[in-house]
Amino acid sequence: MSDPSSSDTRLRTTFKIRLNGETLAIATVGQAYQFLTNYNSVEWMEFRALHENAVTALEGAAGNAMLTVQATDAVRALFVSAKLL
């Protein structure tokens, strides 16, 4: 498996979220993986199961681009639950 944080594999959509008054675009597996893993785990505690599913799906998509649909769906579910979208 390749390093998920450096993956240029495109997600099926570009997520545009507002964070601290700034708009952040997340378009690749690597960008999503970095966003989900760089924040303190306490911040994702409420959404632990969704967070774990998203990170696992992104790790899979980094190694196999055919899994980007599942990774995109997992990230979307997390972002919607966290009210980031």
N, C-alpha and C. Protein backbone atom coordinates (compact mmCIF):
# COMPACT_ATOMS: atom_id res chain seq x y z
N MET A 1 0.85 -1.17 0.00
CA MET A 1 0.00 0.00 0.00
C MET A 1 0.89 1.24 0.00
N SER A 2 0.49 2.24 -0.78
CA SER A 2 1.25 3.48 -0.82
C SER A 2 0.89 4.35 0.39
N ASP A 3 1.68 5.39 0.58
CA ASP A 3 1.44 6.31 1.70
C ASP A 3 0.17 7.11 1.44
N PRO A 4 -0.88 6.92 2.24
CA PRO A 4 -2.15 7.61 1.99
C PRO A 4 -2.04 9.14 2.02
N SER A 5 -1.17 9.68 2.85
CA SER A 5 -1.09 11.14 2.98
C SER A 5 -0.48 11.81 1.76
N SER A 6 0.21 11.05 0.92
CA SER A 6 0.81 11.64 -0.27
C SER A 6 0.11 11.20 -1.56
N SER A 7 -1.03 10.53 -1.42
CA SER A 7 -1.75 10.02 -2.58
C SER A 7 -2.39 11.16 -3.38
N ASP A 8 -2.18 11.13 -4.70
CA ASP A 8 -2.80 12.10 -5.61
C ASP A 8 -4.07 11.55 -6.24
N THR A 9 -4.51 10.39 -5.79
CA THR A 9 -5.72 9.79 -6.33
C THR A 9 -6.91 10.70 -6.06
N ARG A 10 -7.65 11.03 -7.11
CA ARG A 10 -8.78 11.95 -6.98
C ARG A 10 -9.96 11.25 -6.33
N LEU A 11 -10.62 11.96 -5.44
CA LEU A 11 -11.89 11.49 -4.90
C LEU A 11 -12.96 11.70 -5.98
N ARG A 12 -14.14 11.16 -5.80
CA ARG A 12 -15.20 11.29 -6.79
C ARG A 12 -15.82 12.68 -6.81
N THR A 13 -15.52 13.49 -5.80
CA THR A 13 -16.01 14.86 -5.72
C THR A 13 -14.99 15.70 -4.99
N THR A 14 -15.12 17.00 -5.09
CA THR A 14 -14.28 17.90 -4.31
C THR A 14 -15.14 18.45 -3.16
N PHE A 15 -14.70 18.20 -1.96
CA PHE A 15 -15.42 18.71 -0.79
C PHE A 15 -14.91 20.11 -0.49
N LYS A 16 -15.83 21.04 -0.34
CA LYS A 16 -15.46 22.41 0.04
C LYS A 16 -16.09 22.67 1.41
N ILE A 17 -15.22 22.77 2.41
CA ILE A 17 -15.70 22.97 3.77
C ILE A 17 -15.16 24.28 4.31
N ARG A 18 -15.89 24.85 5.24
CA ARG A 18 -15.46 26.09 5.88
C ARG A 18 -14.85 25.72 7.23
N LEU A 19 -13.65 26.21 7.44
CA LEU A 19 -12.94 25.92 8.68
C LEU A 19 -12.25 27.20 9.13
N ASN A 20 -12.61 27.68 10.30
CA ASN A 20 -12.04 28.91 10.84
C ASN A 20 -12.19 30.09 9.87
N GLY A 21 -13.33 30.16 9.21
CA GLY A 21 -13.61 31.26 8.30
C GLY A 21 -12.97 31.13 6.93
N GLU A 22 -12.24 30.07 6.69
CA GLU A 22 -11.58 29.84 5.41
C GLU A 22 -12.25 28.67 4.71
N THR A 23 -12.33 28.73 3.38
CA THR A 23 -12.85 27.62 2.61
C THR A 23 -11.68 26.71 2.24
N LEU A 24 -11.85 25.43 2.52
CA LEU A 24 -10.82 24.43 2.26
C LEU A 24 -11.38 23.44 1.25
N ALA A 25 -10.68 23.22 0.16
CA ALA A 25 -11.09 22.25 -0.85
C ALA A 25 -10.30 20.95 -0.65
N ILE A 26 -11.03 19.86 -0.60
CA ILE A 26 -10.41 18.54 -0.45
C ILE A 26 -10.81 17.73 -1.67
N ALA A 27 -9.83 17.43 -2.53
CA ALA A 27 -10.12 16.77 -3.80
C ALA A 27 -9.42 15.43 -3.96
N THR A 28 -8.39 15.15 -3.15
CA THR A 28 -7.64 13.91 -3.33
C THR A 28 -7.67 13.07 -2.06
N VAL A 29 -7.31 11.82 -2.23
CA VAL A 29 -7.22 10.90 -1.09
C VAL A 29 -6.22 11.45 -0.07
N GLY A 30 -5.08 11.94 -0.54
CA GLY A 30 -4.06 12.46 0.37
C GLY A 30 -4.53 13.66 1.16
N GLN A 31 -5.23 14.59 0.51
CA GLN A 31 -5.74 15.76 1.21
C GLN A 31 -6.75 15.36 2.28
N ALA A 32 -7.65 14.45 1.93
CA ALA A 32 -8.65 13.99 2.90
C ALA A 32 -7.99 13.27 4.06
N TYR A 33 -7.03 12.41 3.74
CA TYR A 33 -6.33 11.65 4.79
C TYR A 33 -5.60 12.59 5.74
N GLN A 34 -4.91 13.57 5.18
CA GLN A 34 -4.20 14.53 6.03
C GLN A 34 -5.18 15.31 6.91
N PHE A 35 -6.30 15.74 6.34
CA PHE A 35 -7.29 16.49 7.10
C PHE A 35 -7.82 15.65 8.25
N LEU A 36 -8.11 14.39 8.00
CA LEU A 36 -8.70 13.55 9.04
C LEU A 36 -7.70 13.07 10.08
N THR A 37 -6.43 13.02 9.72
CA THR A 37 -5.45 12.50 10.68
C THR A 37 -4.64 13.60 11.37
N ASN A 38 -4.66 14.82 10.86
CA ASN A 38 -3.88 15.89 11.47
C ASN A 38 -4.58 16.53 12.67
N TYR A 39 -5.88 16.39 12.74
CA TYR A 39 -6.58 16.95 13.89
C TYR A 39 -6.51 15.99 15.06
N ASN A 40 -6.56 16.54 16.23
CA ASN A 40 -6.52 15.76 17.46
C ASN A 40 -7.67 14.74 17.45
N SER A 41 -7.41 13.54 17.88
CA SER A 41 -8.43 12.50 17.89
C SER A 41 -9.62 12.86 18.77
N VAL A 42 -9.42 13.72 19.76
CA VAL A 42 -10.52 14.15 20.62
C VAL A 42 -11.57 14.88 19.80
N GLU A 43 -11.13 15.62 18.79
CA GLU A 43 -12.06 16.37 17.95
C GLU A 43 -12.97 15.45 17.14
N TRP A 44 -12.54 14.24 16.87
CA TRP A 44 -13.35 13.29 16.11
C TRP A 44 -14.04 12.27 17.01
N MET A 45 -13.88 12.39 18.34
CA MET A 45 -14.38 11.39 19.27
C MET A 45 -15.88 11.12 19.08
N GLU A 46 -16.66 12.17 18.88
CA GLU A 46 -18.11 12.02 18.73
C GLU A 46 -18.46 11.19 17.50
N PHE A 47 -17.59 11.21 16.52
CA PHE A 47 -17.84 10.53 15.25
C PHE A 47 -16.81 9.41 15.03
N ARG A 48 -16.41 8.76 16.11
CA ARG A 48 -15.31 7.81 16.06
C ARG A 48 -15.49 6.72 15.01
N ALA A 49 -16.65 6.10 14.96
CA ALA A 49 -16.87 5.00 14.01
C ALA A 49 -16.80 5.51 12.57
N LEU A 50 -17.44 6.64 12.30
CA LEU A 50 -17.40 7.21 10.96
C LEU A 50 -15.98 7.64 10.59
N HIS A 51 -15.26 8.19 11.55
CA HIS A 51 -13.88 8.61 11.32
C HIS A 51 -13.00 7.41 10.98
N GLU A 52 -13.13 6.36 11.75
CA GLU A 52 -12.34 5.14 11.50
C GLU A 52 -12.66 4.55 10.13
N ASN A 53 -13.95 4.53 9.77
CA ASN A 53 -14.35 4.02 8.46
C ASN A 53 -13.74 4.86 7.33
N ALA A 54 -13.79 6.18 7.49
CA ALA A 54 -13.25 7.07 6.46
C ALA A 54 -11.75 6.89 6.31
N VAL A 55 -11.03 6.85 7.41
CA VAL A 55 -9.57 6.68 7.36
C VAL A 55 -9.21 5.34 6.73
N THR A 56 -9.91 4.28 7.11
CA THR A 56 -9.66 2.96 6.53
C THR A 56 -9.94 2.95 5.03
N ALA A 57 -11.05 3.58 4.64
CA ALA A 57 -11.40 3.64 3.22
C ALA A 57 -10.37 4.45 2.43
N LEU A 58 -9.88 5.53 3.00
CA LEU A 58 -8.86 6.33 2.33
C LEU A 58 -7.55 5.55 2.18
N GLU A 59 -7.19 4.79 3.20
CA GLU A 59 -5.98 3.96 3.12
C GLU A 59 -6.12 2.94 1.99
N GLY A 60 -7.31 2.36 1.87
CA GLY A 60 -7.55 1.41 0.79
C GLY A 60 -7.48 2.06 -0.57
N ALA A 61 -8.08 3.25 -0.70
CA ALA A 61 -8.09 3.96 -1.97
C ALA A 61 -6.69 4.43 -2.37
N ALA A 62 -5.84 4.67 -1.40
CA ALA A 62 -4.46 5.07 -1.72
C ALA A 62 -3.73 3.94 -2.42
N GLY A 63 -4.07 2.72 -2.09
CA GLY A 63 -3.43 1.56 -2.70
C GLY A 63 -4.17 1.02 -3.91
N ASN A 64 -5.45 1.39 -4.06
CA ASN A 64 -6.26 0.87 -5.15
C ASN A 64 -7.29 1.93 -5.53
N ALA A 65 -7.05 2.61 -6.63
CA ALA A 65 -7.92 3.72 -7.05
C ALA A 65 -9.36 3.29 -7.30
N MET A 66 -9.61 2.02 -7.48
CA MET A 66 -10.99 1.55 -7.68
C MET A 66 -11.82 1.71 -6.42
N LEU A 67 -11.19 1.95 -5.30
CA LEU A 67 -11.91 2.11 -4.03
C LEU A 67 -12.24 3.56 -3.71
N THR A 68 -12.05 4.46 -4.67
CA THR A 68 -12.31 5.88 -4.39
C THR A 68 -13.79 6.17 -4.17
N VAL A 69 -14.67 5.40 -4.77
CA VAL A 69 -16.11 5.62 -4.54
C VAL A 69 -16.44 5.36 -3.08
N GLN A 70 -15.97 4.24 -2.54
CA GLN A 70 -16.22 3.92 -1.15
C GLN A 70 -15.57 4.94 -0.22
N ALA A 71 -14.37 5.38 -0.56
CA ALA A 71 -13.67 6.37 0.26
C ALA A 71 -14.42 7.70 0.24
N THR A 72 -14.88 8.11 -0.93
CA THR A 72 -15.64 9.36 -1.05
C THR A 72 -16.91 9.28 -0.23
N ASP A 73 -17.61 8.16 -0.31
CA ASP A 73 -18.85 8.00 0.46
C ASP A 73 -18.59 8.03 1.96
N ALA A 74 -17.51 7.41 2.40
CA ALA A 74 -17.18 7.39 3.82
C ALA A 74 -16.82 8.79 4.32
N VAL A 75 -16.05 9.53 3.53
CA VAL A 75 -15.68 10.90 3.92
C VAL A 75 -16.92 11.78 3.94
N ARG A 76 -17.78 11.64 2.94
CA ARG A 76 -19.02 12.42 2.89
C ARG A 76 -19.88 12.15 4.12
N ALA A 77 -20.04 10.89 4.49
CA ALA A 77 -20.85 10.55 5.67
C ALA A 77 -20.30 11.20 6.93
N LEU A 78 -18.98 11.19 7.08
CA LEU A 78 -18.35 11.82 8.23
C LEU A 78 -18.57 13.33 8.22
N PHE A 79 -18.32 13.97 7.09
CA PHE A 79 -18.47 15.42 7.00
C PHE A 79 -19.91 15.86 7.22
N VAL A 80 -20.87 15.10 6.70
CA VAL A 80 -22.28 15.46 6.90
C VAL A 80 -22.64 15.32 8.38
N SER A 81 -22.23 14.24 9.01
CA SER A 81 -22.53 14.04 10.44
C SER A 81 -21.88 15.11 11.30
N ALA A 82 -20.68 15.54 10.92
CA ALA A 82 -19.96 16.56 11.67
C ALA A 82 -20.41 17.98 11.28
N LYS A 83 -21.36 18.05 10.35
CA LYS A 83 -21.91 19.32 9.87
C LYS A 83 -20.83 20.22 9.27
N LEU A 84 -19.92 19.62 8.56
CA LEU A 84 -18.89 20.36 7.85
C LEU A 84 -19.32 20.67 6.42
N LEU A 85 -20.35 19.96 5.94
CA LEU A 85 -20.88 20.20 4.59
C LEU A 85 -22.24 20.83 4.70
